[in-house]
Amino acid sequence: MASSPQKGFLRAQTIISVMRYLLASVTVTHETTSFEPCNNYTVLDNPWRSISNGYNSYCDQSVSWSGWYRLFINGLSAHIPDTCVAQYRCGTNVAMWIRGGHPTVTDGVVTRDVCGDVGSDCCYYRSSSIKVKACPGDYYVYELVNPTFCPSAYCADTGRINTSPTTVTPVTISTVSLDTTLYILYALGGLIIAVIVLLVGLIAVNQYYRKKLKTSASSEMPVNKQNKSRDEQKSNANDVEDSVYENDKSTQMKPINRPEVPKSQVHTVYGNVQPSVGQSHALYENL
């Protein structure tokens, strides 16, 4: 079984792997957000989409849309109309146009509602919204999706639009600044990893020594119990000795209180002869 410090270092390695994965995710996200629709689109050149075309049965619901598209009509740059288009135009039943106007280059990517005319209401049919972006060079790209009804199709127009396109010089992002940002992110990630490893190591060492102190304390307990037992035995022995001493004191012989012999009796026994000191003492002892 691995010791506590080894377990701590194994946890630290797991945390390091997770942090590396997070840093890699940050890098991938950065690369994803740098995707430029104005330079990555599919050309959609269908002359039947022109607003000058009448009714037909085309339907964009059957198209497998994926990504961004730029519209053309016979090679001419076109855009989806942003004003009402009458029904039965653009080679379909419901001719779809966008409501809200086109963005400028500085607006970036915007979302616009898709409408279809029914005669009395130019936005009677409402399909799924799409994303639009104005690109330098006076053209637009669209992230098209399947419409919610059929037959319906996106229209295309080569005429003027509501907003005047603004020519803006594309902003060039310095590779050096991106590299510096990545280096800073990696440095911060490394610092975080180092702090986490240090904390995990300290916790593991603390747990190890606490466990060691517990083990040493438990090993000293029998010795303390043995010493305590010896002290109790000594105390009991002392109590026994004190009890015996008290019993001895209580059983010691006490002097006998003998009655005094009247002189008349002494005279009766010995007559008128006065006994000597030794005889009197012997007589006293016999009584």
C-alpha atoms as a PDB file:
ATOM      1  CA  MET A   1       0.000   0.000   0.000  1.00  0.00           C
ATOM      2  CA  ALA A   2       1.358   3.448  -0.918  1.00  0.00           C
ATOM      3  CA  SER A   3       2.284   5.819   1.933  1.00  0.00           C
ATOM      4  CA  SER A   4       0.523   9.146   2.456  1.00  0.00           C
ATOM      5  CA  PRO A   5       3.244  11.230   0.716  1.00  0.00           C
ATOM      6  CA  GLN A   6       3.131   8.914  -2.312  1.00  0.00           C
ATOM      7  CA  LYS A   7      -0.662   9.251  -2.480  1.00  0.00           C
ATOM      8  CA  GLY A   8      -0.291  13.003  -2.326  1.00  0.00           C
ATOM      9  CA  PHE A   9       2.127  13.056  -5.240  1.00  0.00           C
ATOM     10  CA  LEU A  10      -0.174  10.780  -7.270  1.00  0.00           C
ATOM     11  CA  ARG A  11      -3.006  13.267  -6.703  1.00  0.00           C
ATOM     12  CA  ALA A  12      -0.707  16.078  -7.768  1.00  0.00           C
ATOM     13  CA  GLN A  13       0.089  14.285 -11.035  1.00  0.00           C
ATOM     14  CA  THR A  14      -3.642  13.894 -11.718  1.00  0.00           C
ATOM     15  CA  ILE A  15      -4.218  17.605 -11.087  1.00  0.00           C
ATOM     16  CA  ILE A  16      -1.322  18.470 -13.418  1.00  0.00           C
ATOM     17  CA  SER A  17      -2.891  16.360 -16.190  1.00  0.00           C
ATOM     18  CA  VAL A  18      -6.226  18.150 -15.727  1.00  0.00           C
ATOM     19  CA  MET A  19      -4.536  21.573 -15.849  1.00  0.00           C
ATOM     20  CA  ARG A  20      -2.703  20.632 -19.056  1.00  0.00           C
ATOM     21  CA  TYR A  21      -6.001  19.585 -20.598  1.00  0.00           C
ATOM     22  CA  LEU A  22      -7.578  22.912 -19.612  1.00  0.00           C
ATOM     23  CA  LEU A  23      -4.669  24.854 -21.109  1.00  0.00           C
ATOM     24  CA  ALA A  24      -4.970  22.843 -24.322  1.00  0.00           C
ATOM     25  CA  SER A  25      -8.700  23.621 -24.385  1.00  0.00           C
ATOM     26  CA  VAL A  26      -7.926  27.341 -24.064  1.00  0.00           C
ATOM     27  CA  THR A  27      -5.573  27.086 -27.034  1.00  0.00           C
ATOM     28  CA  VAL A  28      -8.147  25.223 -29.151  1.00  0.00           C
ATOM     29  CA  THR A  29     -10.836  27.747 -28.235  1.00  0.00           C
ATOM     30  CA  HIS A  30      -8.547  30.589 -29.260  1.00  0.00           C
ATOM     31  CA  GLU A  31      -7.932  28.966 -32.640  1.00  0.00           C
ATOM     32  CA  THR A  32     -11.690  28.373 -33.100  1.00  0.00           C
ATOM     33  CA  THR A  33     -12.642  31.982 -32.359  1.00  0.00           C
ATOM     34  CA  SER A  34     -10.095  33.206 -34.908  1.00  0.00           C
ATOM     35  CA  PHE A  35     -12.172  31.589 -37.736  1.00  0.00           C
ATOM     36  CA  GLU A  36     -13.006  34.225 -40.366  1.00  0.00           C
ATOM     37  CA  PRO A  37     -16.256  33.621 -42.358  1.00  0.00           C
ATOM     38  CA  CYS A  38     -15.265  36.217 -44.983  1.00  0.00           C
ATOM     39  CA  ASN A  39     -12.394  33.952 -46.019  1.00  0.00           C
ATOM     40  CA  ASN A  40     -14.124  30.608 -45.451  1.00  0.00           C
ATOM     41  CA  TYR A  41     -17.393  30.336 -47.361  1.00  0.00           C
ATOM     42  CA  THR A  42     -19.152  28.232 -50.019  1.00  0.00           C
ATOM     43  CA  VAL A  43     -20.206  29.856 -53.304  1.00  0.00           C
ATOM     44  CA  LEU A  44     -23.957  29.595 -53.952  1.00  0.00           C
ATOM     45  CA  ASP A  45     -24.660  30.500 -57.600  1.00  0.00           C
ATOM     46  CA  ASN A  46     -28.257  29.604 -58.508  1.00  0.00           C
ATOM     47  CA  PRO A  47     -29.806  31.936 -61.132  1.00  0.00           C
ATOM     48  CA  TRP A  48     -33.323  30.711 -60.251  1.00  0.00           C
ATOM     49  CA  ARG A  49     -32.956  32.465 -56.857  1.00  0.00           C
ATOM     50  CA  SER A  50     -33.124  35.881 -58.554  1.00  0.00           C
ATOM     51  CA  ILE A  51     -36.056  38.059 -57.467  1.00  0.00           C
ATOM     52  CA  SER A  52     -36.874  38.507 -61.184  1.00  0.00           C
ATOM     53  CA  ASN A  53     -37.785  34.822 -61.504  1.00  0.00           C
ATOM     54  CA  GLY A  54     -41.367  33.705 -61.006  1.00  0.00           C
ATOM     55  CA  TYR A  55     -42.939  30.681 -59.391  1.00  0.00           C
ATOM     56  CA  ASN A  56     -41.380  27.228 -59.282  1.00  0.00           C
ATOM     57  CA  SER A  57     -41.236  24.360 -56.808  1.00  0.00           C
ATOM     58  CA  TYR A  58     -37.686  24.798 -55.436  1.00  0.00           C
ATOM     59  CA  CYS A  59     -37.356  24.256 -51.686  1.00  0.00           C
ATOM     60  CA  ASP A  60     -34.288  24.849 -49.496  1.00  0.00           C
ATOM     61  CA  GLN A  61     -35.590  22.516 -46.823  1.00  0.00           C
ATOM     62  CA  SER A  62     -34.023  19.577 -48.638  1.00  0.00           C
ATOM     63  CA  VAL A  63     -30.550  21.186 -48.833  1.00  0.00           C
ATOM     64  CA  SER A  64     -27.848  20.027 -46.365  1.00  0.00           C
ATOM     65  CA  TRP A  65     -26.639  23.446 -45.255  1.00  0.00           C
ATOM     66  CA  SER A  66     -23.256  23.607 -43.528  1.00  0.00           C
ATOM     67  CA  GLY A  67     -21.245  26.723 -42.685  1.00  0.00           C
ATOM     68  CA  TRP A  68     -21.175  30.086 -44.463  1.00  0.00           C
ATOM     69  CA  TYR A  69     -22.293  30.939 -48.009  1.00  0.00           C
ATOM     70  CA  ARG A  70     -21.803  33.785 -50.473  1.00  0.00           C
ATOM     71  CA  LEU A  71     -24.510  34.308 -53.118  1.00  0.00           C
ATOM     72  CA  PHE A  72     -23.960  34.851 -56.859  1.00  0.00           C
ATOM     73  CA  ILE A  73     -26.234  35.168 -59.873  1.00  0.00           C
ATOM     74  CA  ASN A  74     -24.461  34.043 -63.030  1.00  0.00           C
ATOM     75  CA  GLY A  75     -21.112  35.003 -61.515  1.00  0.00           C
ATOM     76  CA  LEU A  76     -22.280  38.394 -60.194  1.00  0.00           C
ATOM     77  CA  SER A  77     -22.028  38.992 -56.450  1.00  0.00           C
ATOM     78  CA  ALA A  78     -25.476  39.005 -54.880  1.00  0.00           C
ATOM     79  CA  HIS A  79     -27.127  39.223 -51.479  1.00  0.00           C
ATOM     80  CA  ILE A  80     -30.354  38.131 -49.796  1.00  0.00           C
ATOM     81  CA  PRO A  81     -32.948  40.941 -50.103  1.00  0.00           C
ATOM     82  CA  ASP A  82     -33.608  42.900 -46.896  1.00  0.00           C
ATOM     83  CA  THR A  83     -36.958  44.283 -48.121  1.00  0.00           C
ATOM     84  CA  CYS A  84     -40.227  42.509 -48.737  1.00  0.00           C
ATOM     85  CA  VAL A  85     -40.323  40.104 -51.691  1.00  0.00           C
ATOM     86  CA  ALA A  86     -43.711  39.162 -53.137  1.00  0.00           C
ATOM     87  CA  GLN A  87     -45.011  35.627 -52.936  1.00  0.00           C
ATOM     88  CA  TYR A  88     -44.373  33.253 -55.845  1.00  0.00           C
ATOM     89  CA  ARG A  89     -41.017  34.802 -56.681  1.00  0.00           C
ATOM     90  CA  CYS A  90     -37.414  33.467 -56.630  1.00  0.00           C
ATOM     91  CA  GLY A  91     -38.426  30.129 -58.185  1.00  0.00           C
ATOM     92  CA  THR A  92     -40.556  29.034 -55.186  1.00  0.00           C
ATOM     93  CA  ASN A  93     -43.832  29.570 -53.352  1.00  0.00           C
ATOM     94  CA  VAL A  94     -42.570  31.495 -50.299  1.00  0.00           C
ATOM     95  CA  ALA A  95     -39.661  33.793 -51.259  1.00  0.00           C
ATOM     96  CA  MET A  96     -37.532  34.343 -48.157  1.00  0.00           C
ATOM     97  CA  TRP A  97     -35.891  37.664 -47.289  1.00  0.00           C
ATOM     98  CA  ILE A  98     -34.182  39.016 -44.115  1.00  0.00           C
ATOM     99  CA  ARG A  99     -35.681  41.616 -41.799  1.00  0.00           C
ATOM    100  CA  GLY A 100     -33.541  44.228 -40.038  1.00  0.00           C
ATOM    101  CA  GLY A 101     -31.163  45.257 -42.819  1.00  0.00           C
ATOM    102  CA  HIS A 102     -27.582  44.250 -43.507  1.00  0.00           C
ATOM    103  CA  PRO A 103     -24.767  45.007 -41.047  1.00  0.00           C
ATOM    104  CA  THR A 104     -21.644  47.041 -41.701  1.00  0.00           C
ATOM    105  CA  VAL A 105     -18.133  45.645 -41.514  1.00  0.00           C
ATOM    106  CA  THR A 106     -17.670  47.077 -38.029  1.00  0.00           C
ATOM    107  CA  ASP A 107     -20.828  45.314 -36.797  1.00  0.00           C
ATOM    108  CA  GLY A 108     -19.269  41.897 -37.203  1.00  0.00           C
ATOM    109  CA  VAL A 109     -21.576  38.883 -37.137  1.00  0.00           C
ATOM    110  CA  VAL A 110     -25.253  39.681 -36.537  1.00  0.00           C
ATOM    111  CA  THR A 111     -28.457  37.636 -36.407  1.00  0.00           C
ATOM    112  CA  ARG A 112     -31.399  38.422 -38.671  1.00  0.00           C
ATOM    113  CA  ASP A 113     -34.990  37.123 -38.862  1.00  0.00           C
ATOM    114  CA  VAL A 114     -36.102  35.366 -42.057  1.00  0.00           C
ATOM    115  CA  CYS A 115     -39.559  36.266 -43.428  1.00  0.00           C
ATOM    116  CA  GLY A 116     -41.907  35.173 -46.220  1.00  0.00           C
ATOM    117  CA  ASP A 117     -44.747  37.189 -47.795  1.00  0.00           C
ATOM    118  CA  VAL A 118     -48.317  35.926 -47.999  1.00  0.00           C
ATOM    119  CA  GLY A 119     -49.854  38.998 -49.684  1.00  0.00           C
ATOM    120  CA  SER A 120     -51.248  41.027 -46.784  1.00  0.00           C
ATOM    121  CA  ASP A 121     -48.286  40.420 -44.426  1.00  0.00           C
ATOM    122  CA  CYS A 122     -44.689  40.588 -45.655  1.00  0.00           C
ATOM    123  CA  CYS A 123     -43.500  38.561 -42.625  1.00  0.00           C
ATOM    124  CA  TYR A 124     -46.417  36.175 -42.330  1.00  0.00           C
ATOM    125  CA  TYR A 125     -44.089  33.184 -42.707  1.00  0.00           C
ATOM    126  CA  ARG A 126     -41.259  33.260 -40.228  1.00  0.00           C
ATOM    127  CA  SER A 127     -38.428  30.809 -40.595  1.00  0.00           C
ATOM    128  CA  SER A 128     -35.358  30.117 -38.469  1.00  0.00           C
ATOM    129  CA  SER A 129     -33.015  33.074 -37.995  1.00  0.00           C
ATOM    130  CA  ILE A 130     -29.654  33.177 -39.772  1.00  0.00           C
ATOM    131  CA  LYS A 131     -26.307  34.891 -39.148  1.00  0.00           C
ATOM    132  CA  VAL A 132     -24.989  37.583 -41.484  1.00  0.00           C
ATOM    133  CA  LYS A 133     -21.637  39.305 -41.809  1.00  0.00           C
ATOM    134  CA  ALA A 134     -20.427  42.190 -43.994  1.00  0.00           C
ATOM    135  CA  CYS A 135     -16.997  41.619 -45.480  1.00  0.00           C
ATOM    136  CA  PRO A 136     -14.369  44.064 -46.750  1.00  0.00           C
ATOM    137  CA  GLY A 137     -14.784  44.215 -50.523  1.00  0.00           C
ATOM    138  CA  ASP A 138     -18.509  45.024 -50.498  1.00  0.00           C
ATOM    139  CA  TYR A 139     -20.012  41.548 -50.165  1.00  0.00           C
ATOM    140  CA  TYR A 140     -21.853  39.528 -47.530  1.00  0.00           C
ATOM    141  CA  VAL A 141     -21.739  36.000 -46.223  1.00  0.00           C
ATOM    142  CA  TYR A 142     -24.601  34.096 -44.616  1.00  0.00           C
ATOM    143  CA  GLU A 143     -24.796  31.091 -42.294  1.00  0.00           C
ATOM    144  CA  LEU A 144     -27.838  29.460 -43.882  1.00  0.00           C
ATOM    145  CA  VAL A 145     -30.096  26.873 -42.215  1.00  0.00           C
ATOM    146  CA  ASN A 146     -33.048  24.788 -43.331  1.00  0.00           C
ATOM    147  CA  PRO A 147     -36.331  26.745 -43.474  1.00  0.00           C
ATOM    148  CA  THR A 148     -39.241  25.607 -41.317  1.00  0.00           C
ATOM    149  CA  PHE A 149     -41.708  25.235 -44.207  1.00  0.00           C
ATOM    150  CA  CYS A 150     -41.777  24.104 -47.818  1.00  0.00           C
ATOM    151  CA  PRO A 151     -41.780  25.089 -50.628  1.00  0.00           C
ATOM    152  CA  SER A 152     -39.654  28.066 -49.674  1.00  0.00           C
ATOM    153  CA  ALA A 153     -36.210  29.299 -50.726  1.00  0.00           C
ATOM    154  CA  TYR A 154     -33.718  32.108 -50.063  1.00  0.00           C
ATOM    155  CA  CYS A 155     -33.892  34.861 -52.674  1.00  0.00           C
ATOM    156  CA  ALA A 156     -30.874  36.577 -54.278  1.00  0.00           C
ATOM    157  CA  ASP A 157     -30.576  40.144 -55.517  1.00  0.00           C
ATOM    158  CA  THR A 158     -27.811  42.077 -57.238  1.00  0.00           C
ATOM    159  CA  GLY A 159     -29.349  45.509 -56.569  1.00  0.00           C
ATOM    160  CA  ARG A 160     -28.611  47.992 -53.838  1.00  0.00           C
ATOM    161  CA  ILE A 161     -29.167  47.292 -50.183  1.00  0.00           C
ATOM    162  CA  ASN A 162     -30.433  49.424 -47.304  1.00  0.00           C
ATOM    163  CA  THR A 163     -27.093  50.109 -45.662  1.00  0.00           C
ATOM    164  CA  SER A 164     -24.097  51.602 -47.446  1.00  0.00           C
ATOM    165  CA  PRO A 165     -21.177  49.223 -47.242  1.00  0.00           C
ATOM    166  CA  THR A 166     -18.212  50.642 -45.403  1.00  0.00           C
ATOM    167  CA  THR A 167     -14.799  49.736 -46.694  1.00  0.00           C
ATOM    168  CA  VAL A 168     -12.558  48.993 -43.766  1.00  0.00           C
ATOM    169  CA  THR A 169      -8.992  47.805 -43.916  1.00  0.00           C
ATOM    170  CA  PRO A 170      -8.858  44.352 -42.373  1.00  0.00           C
ATOM    171  CA  VAL A 171      -7.264  44.356 -38.954  1.00  0.00           C
ATOM    172  CA  THR A 172      -4.119  42.282 -38.892  1.00  0.00           C
ATOM    173  CA  ILE A 173      -3.595  40.593 -35.570  1.00  0.00           C
ATOM    174  CA  SER A 174       0.046  40.372 -34.669  1.00  0.00           C
ATOM    175  CA  THR A 175       1.311  36.829 -34.215  1.00  0.00           C
ATOM    176  CA  VAL A 176       3.784  38.112 -31.640  1.00  0.00           C
ATOM    177  CA  SER A 177       0.973  39.395 -29.407  1.00  0.00           C
ATOM    178  CA  LEU A 178      -0.858  36.075 -29.684  1.00  0.00           C
ATOM    179  CA  ASP A 179       2.305  34.173 -28.775  1.00  0.00           C
ATOM    180  CA  THR A 180       2.886  36.481 -25.817  1.00  0.00           C
ATOM    181  CA  THR A 181      -0.681  35.882 -24.619  1.00  0.00           C
ATOM    182  CA  LEU A 182      -0.207  32.139 -24.891  1.00  0.00           C
ATOM    183  CA  TYR A 183       3.084  32.328 -22.980  1.00  0.00           C
ATOM    184  CA  ILE A 184       1.362  34.306 -20.235  1.00  0.00           C
ATOM    185  CA  LEU A 185      -1.442  31.745 -20.061  1.00  0.00           C
ATOM    186  CA  TYR A 186       1.042  28.879 -19.855  1.00  0.00           C
ATOM    187  CA  ALA A 187       3.040  30.714 -17.165  1.00  0.00           C
ATOM    188  CA  LEU A 188      -0.093  31.313 -15.102  1.00  0.00           C
ATOM    189  CA  GLY A 189      -1.097  27.685 -15.571  1.00  0.00           C
ATOM    190  CA  GLY A 190       2.335  26.519 -14.446  1.00  0.00           C
ATOM    191  CA  LEU A 191       2.193  28.759 -11.384  1.00  0.00           C
ATOM    192  CA  ILE A 192      -1.242  27.420 -10.456  1.00  0.00           C
ATOM    193  CA  ILE A 193      -0.006  23.852 -10.892  1.00  0.00           C
ATOM    194  CA  ALA A 194       3.025  24.538  -8.688  1.00  0.00           C
ATOM    195  CA  VAL A 195       0.854  26.006  -5.918  1.00  0.00           C
ATOM    196  CA  ILE A 196      -1.551  23.059  -6.078  1.00  0.00           C
ATOM    197  CA  VAL A 197       1.319  20.545  -5.961  1.00  0.00           C
ATOM    198  CA  LEU A 198       2.824  22.347  -2.953  1.00  0.00           C
ATOM    199  CA  LEU A 199      -0.508  22.352  -1.101  1.00  0.00           C
ATOM    200  CA  VAL A 200      -1.159  18.683  -1.851  1.00  0.00           C
ATOM    201  CA  GLY A 201       2.367  17.798  -0.691  1.00  0.00           C
ATOM    202  CA  LEU A 202       1.966  19.717   2.570  1.00  0.00           C
ATOM    203  CA  ILE A 203      -1.372  18.051   3.241  1.00  0.00           C
ATOM    204  CA  ALA A 204       0.099  14.612   2.548  1.00  0.00           C
ATOM    205  CA  VAL A 205       3.098  15.215   4.841  1.00  0.00           C
ATOM    206  CA  ASN A 206       0.815  16.543   7.568  1.00  0.00           C
ATOM    207  CA  GLN A 207      -1.391  13.454   7.362  1.00  0.00           C
ATOM    208  CA  TYR A 208       1.677  11.196   7.399  1.00  0.00           C
ATOM    209  CA  TYR A 209       3.119  12.713  10.586  1.00  0.00           C
ATOM    210  CA  ARG A 210      -0.269  12.813  12.296  1.00  0.00           C
ATOM    211  CA  LYS A 211      -0.665   9.116  11.589  1.00  0.00           C
ATOM    212  CA  LYS A 212       2.847   8.486  12.898  1.00  0.00           C
ATOM    213  CA  LEU A 213       2.114  10.387  16.143  1.00  0.00           C
ATOM    214  CA  LYS A 214      -1.083   8.383  16.591  1.00  0.00           C
ATOM    215  CA  THR A 215       0.851   5.122  16.175  1.00  0.00           C
ATOM    216  CA  SER A 216       3.524   6.133  18.719  1.00  0.00           C
ATOM    217  CA  ALA A 217       0.877   7.285  21.200  1.00  0.00           C
ATOM    218  CA  SER A 218      -1.011   3.998  20.917  1.00  0.00           C
ATOM    219  CA  SER A 219       2.232   2.016  21.491  1.00  0.00           C
ATOM    220  CA  GLU A 220       2.939   3.935  24.745  1.00  0.00           C
ATOM    221  CA  MET A 221      -0.489   3.242  26.204  1.00  0.00           C
ATOM    222  CA  PRO A 222       0.247  -0.368  27.442  1.00  0.00           C
ATOM    223  CA  VAL A 223       3.354   0.886  29.307  1.00  0.00           C
ATOM    224  CA  ASN A 224       1.338   3.583  31.031  1.00  0.00           C
ATOM    225  CA  LYS A 225      -1.339   1.053  31.928  1.00  0.00           C
ATOM    226  CA  GLN A 226       1.328  -1.307  33.373  1.00  0.00           C
ATOM    227  CA  ASN A 227       2.841   1.499  35.479  1.00  0.00           C
ATOM    228  CA  LYS A 228      -0.627   2.430  36.674  1.00  0.00           C
ATOM    229  CA  SER A 229      -1.309  -1.186  37.636  1.00  0.00           C
ATOM    230  CA  ARG A 230       1.920  -1.314  39.618  1.00  0.00           C
ATOM    231  CA  ASP A 231       1.030   1.878  41.452  1.00  0.00           C
ATOM    232  CA  GLU A 232      -2.378   0.449  42.290  1.00  0.00           C
ATOM    233  CA  GLN A 233      -0.760  -2.729  43.623  1.00  0.00           C
ATOM    234  CA  LYS A 234       1.598  -0.695  45.828  1.00  0.00           C
ATOM    235  CA  SER A 235      -1.307   1.381  47.097  1.00  0.00           C
ATOM    236  CA  ASN A 236      -3.301  -1.764  47.902  1.00  0.00           C
ATOM    237  CA  ALA A 237      -0.303  -3.262  49.729  1.00  0.00           C
ATOM    238  CA  ASN A 238       0.071  -0.100  51.783  1.00  0.00           C
ATOM    239  CA  ASP A 239      -3.618  -0.225  52.652  1.00  0.00           C
ATOM    240  CA  VAL A 240      -3.256  -3.849  53.798  1.00  0.00           C
ATOM    241  CA  GLU A 241      -0.232  -2.993  55.954  1.00  0.00           C
ATOM    242  CA  ASP A 242      -2.106  -0.112  57.564  1.00  0.00           C
ATOM    243  CA  SER A 243      -5.057  -2.384  58.290  1.00  0.00           C
ATOM    244  CA  VAL A 244      -2.820  -5.040  59.890  1.00  0.00           C
ATOM    245  CA  TYR A 245      -1.113  -2.382  61.986  1.00  0.00           C
ATOM    246  CA  GLU A 246      -4.457  -1.121  63.226  1.00  0.00           C
ATOM    247  CA  ASN A 247      -5.549  -4.660  64.086  1.00  0.00           C
ATOM    248  CA  ASP A 248      -2.270  -5.266  66.001  1.00  0.00           C
ATOM    249  CA  LYS A 249      -2.807  -2.100  67.949  1.00  0.00           C
ATOM    250  CA  SER A 250      -6.349  -3.107  68.774  1.00  0.00           C
ATOM    251  CA  THR A 251      -5.274  -6.599  69.956  1.00  0.00           C
ATOM    252  CA  GLN A 252      -2.346  -5.482  72.200  1.00  0.00           C
ATOM    253  CA  MET A 253      -2.566  -6.675  75.787  1.00  0.00           C
ATOM    254  CA  LYS A 254      -3.879  -4.114  78.208  1.00  0.00           C
ATOM    255  CA  PRO A 255      -2.958  -4.065  81.921  1.00  0.00           C
ATOM    256  CA  ILE A 256      -5.410  -5.965  84.137  1.00  0.00           C
ATOM    257  CA  ASN A 257      -7.133  -3.883  86.762  1.00  0.00           C
ATOM    258  CA  ARG A 258      -7.063  -6.109  89.840  1.00  0.00           C
ATOM    259  CA  PRO A 259      -9.056  -5.194  92.943  1.00  0.00           C
ATOM    260  CA  GLU A 260      -7.177  -4.110  96.048  1.00  0.00           C
ATOM    261  CA  VAL A 261      -7.120  -6.584  98.968  1.00  0.00           C
ATOM    262  CA  PRO A 262      -8.403  -5.064 102.178  1.00  0.00           C
ATOM    263  CA  LYS A 263      -5.978  -5.002 105.044  1.00  0.00           C
ATOM    264  CA  SER A 264      -8.426  -6.891 107.200  1.00  0.00           C
ATOM    265  CA  GLN A 265      -8.179  -9.871 104.904  1.00  0.00           C
ATOM    266  CA  VAL A 266      -4.465  -9.676 104.924  1.00  0.00           C
ATOM    267  CA  HIS A 267      -4.508  -9.744 108.682  1.00  0.00           C
ATOM    268  CA  THR A 268      -6.893 -12.686 108.575  1.00  0.00           C
ATOM    269  CA  VAL A 269      -4.627 -14.724 106.391  1.00  0.00           C
ATOM    270  CA  TYR A 270      -1.384 -13.862 108.014  1.00  0.00           C
ATOM    271  CA  GLY A 271      -2.626 -12.995 111.423  1.00  0.00           C
ATOM    272  CA  ASN A 272      -1.102 -10.117 113.153  1.00  0.00           C
ATOM    273  CA  VAL A 273       2.142 -10.702 111.438  1.00  0.00           C
ATOM    274  CA  GLN A 274       2.984  -7.865 109.101  1.00  0.00           C
ATOM    275  CA  PRO A 275       4.072  -9.445 105.783  1.00  0.00           C
ATOM    276  CA  SER A 276       7.221  -8.364 104.214  1.00  0.00           C
ATOM    277  CA  VAL A 277       7.310  -6.498 100.984  1.00  0.00           C
ATOM    278  CA  GLY A 278       8.060  -9.618  98.991  1.00  0.00           C
ATOM    279  CA  GLN A 279       5.271 -11.572 100.588  1.00  0.00           C
ATOM    280  CA  SER A 280       2.760  -8.812  99.972  1.00  0.00           C
ATOM    281  CA  HIS A 281       3.716  -8.684  96.357  1.00  0.00           C
ATOM    282  CA  ALA A 282       3.376 -12.434  95.958  1.00  0.00           C
ATOM    283  CA  LEU A 283       0.026 -12.363  97.648  1.00  0.00           C
ATOM    284  CA  TYR A 284      -1.101  -9.594  95.323  1.00  0.00           C
ATOM    285  CA  GLU A 285      -0.057 -11.534  92.312  1.00  0.00           C
ATOM    286  CA  ASN A 286      -1.906 -14.637  93.432  1.00  0.00           C
ATOM    287  CA  LEU A 287      -5.073 -12.704  93.899  1.00  0.00           C
END
